[in-house]
Amino acid sequence: MTAVKGLGHVGIYVRDLERMVKFYRDLLGMRITKQNWRAGVVFLSADPASADHEIALFRGVWRRLTICASFIDDWSAKVCGSTRW
């Protein structure tokens, strides 16, 4: 079985962007690295010095999850996918 060695990012469409930003920022301690409230997008990182973002929040009603993952240690093999439900 192939194991995920790390995640590049997870993008989530949310109905209440402000509430979800508060959750990730205030409860989980992530930091906002980029934001455009007018466009409805906020990027957050647990460690901005090493990763631009791990979470991308998009204002919207679509129910979609986007994930980029690496299956080996050096990130030379990367898989990105998107699913809707």
Protein backbone atom coordinates (compact mmCIF):
# COMPACT_ATOMS: atom_id res chain seq x y z
CA MET A 1 0.00 0.00 0.00
CA THR A 2 1.27 3.48 -0.89
CA ALA A 3 1.27 5.90 2.01
CA VAL A 4 0.81 9.65 1.80
CA LYS A 5 4.00 11.34 3.00
CA GLY A 6 2.59 14.86 3.03
CA LEU A 7 -0.16 17.15 1.84
CA GLY A 8 0.41 20.17 -0.36
CA HIS A 9 -2.91 21.81 0.27
CA VAL A 10 -6.60 21.26 0.79
CA GLY A 11 -9.09 23.62 -0.85
CA ILE A 12 -12.61 23.82 0.55
CA TYR A 13 -15.65 25.75 -0.65
CA VAL A 14 -17.57 27.09 2.35
CA ARG A 15 -20.84 28.93 2.81
CA ASP A 16 -19.66 31.11 5.70
CA LEU A 17 -16.08 32.18 4.94
CA GLU A 18 -15.74 34.43 7.98
CA ARG A 19 -16.81 31.68 10.37
CA MET A 20 -14.47 29.12 8.83
CA VAL A 21 -11.52 31.55 8.90
CA LYS A 22 -12.19 32.11 12.62
CA PHE A 23 -12.21 28.33 13.17
CA TYR A 24 -8.88 27.68 11.46
CA ARG A 25 -7.21 30.86 12.72
CA ASP A 26 -8.54 31.20 16.26
CA LEU A 27 -9.18 27.60 17.27
CA LEU A 28 -6.44 25.75 15.35
CA GLY A 29 -3.86 28.55 15.41
CA MET A 30 -3.26 28.77 11.66
CA ARG A 31 -2.14 32.07 10.13
CA ILE A 32 -3.63 33.90 7.19
CA THR A 33 -1.00 34.10 4.45
CA LYS A 34 -3.12 35.62 1.65
CA GLN A 35 -6.63 36.98 1.54
CA ASN A 36 -9.05 38.59 -0.84
CA TRP A 37 -12.35 39.05 0.95
CA ARG A 38 -13.95 40.68 -2.07
CA ALA A 39 -13.16 37.61 -4.21
CA GLY A 40 -14.01 35.31 -1.30
CA VAL A 41 -10.71 33.47 -0.82
CA VAL A 42 -8.42 33.09 2.19
CA PHE A 43 -5.24 31.00 2.43
CA LEU A 44 -3.99 29.74 5.79
CA SER A 45 -0.82 28.02 6.93
CA ALA A 46 0.28 26.32 10.12
CA ASP A 47 3.88 27.33 9.35
CA PRO A 48 4.09 30.22 6.83
CA ALA A 49 7.90 30.04 6.80
CA SER A 50 7.82 26.57 5.25
CA ALA A 51 4.47 26.47 3.40
CA ASP A 52 2.54 29.27 1.72
CA HIS A 53 -0.68 27.53 2.66
CA GLU A 54 -2.13 24.17 3.62
CA ILE A 55 -5.76 25.31 3.64
CA ALA A 56 -7.47 27.38 0.95
CA LEU A 57 -10.99 28.52 1.81
CA PHE A 58 -13.30 29.68 -0.99
CA ARG A 59 -16.66 31.34 -0.43
CA GLY A 60 -19.28 29.40 -2.33
CA VAL A 61 -22.11 26.93 -2.22
CA TRP A 62 -20.36 24.21 -4.20
CA ARG A 63 -19.45 21.22 -2.16
CA ARG A 64 -15.98 20.45 -3.39
CA LEU A 65 -12.77 19.19 -1.86
CA THR A 66 -9.42 19.57 -3.63
CA ILE A 67 -6.32 17.82 -2.33
CA CYS A 68 -2.70 17.68 -3.50
CA ALA A 69 -0.67 14.89 -1.93
CA SER A 70 2.82 13.45 -2.28
CA PHE A 71 3.38 9.72 -2.16
CA ILE A 72 7.16 9.81 -1.79
CA ASP A 73 9.53 11.78 0.38
CA ASP A 74 11.01 14.12 -2.25
CA TRP A 75 7.70 15.36 -3.73
CA SER A 76 8.70 14.27 -7.25
CA ALA A 77 5.52 12.25 -7.51
CA LYS A 78 2.50 14.39 -6.79
CA VAL A 79 -1.17 13.59 -7.19
CA CYS A 80 -3.85 16.25 -7.27
CA GLY A 81 -7.51 15.54 -7.35
CA SER A 82 -10.86 17.19 -6.98
CA THR A 83 -14.16 15.66 -6.08
CA ARG A 84 -17.71 16.95 -5.85
CA TRP A 85 -20.66 15.48 -4.05
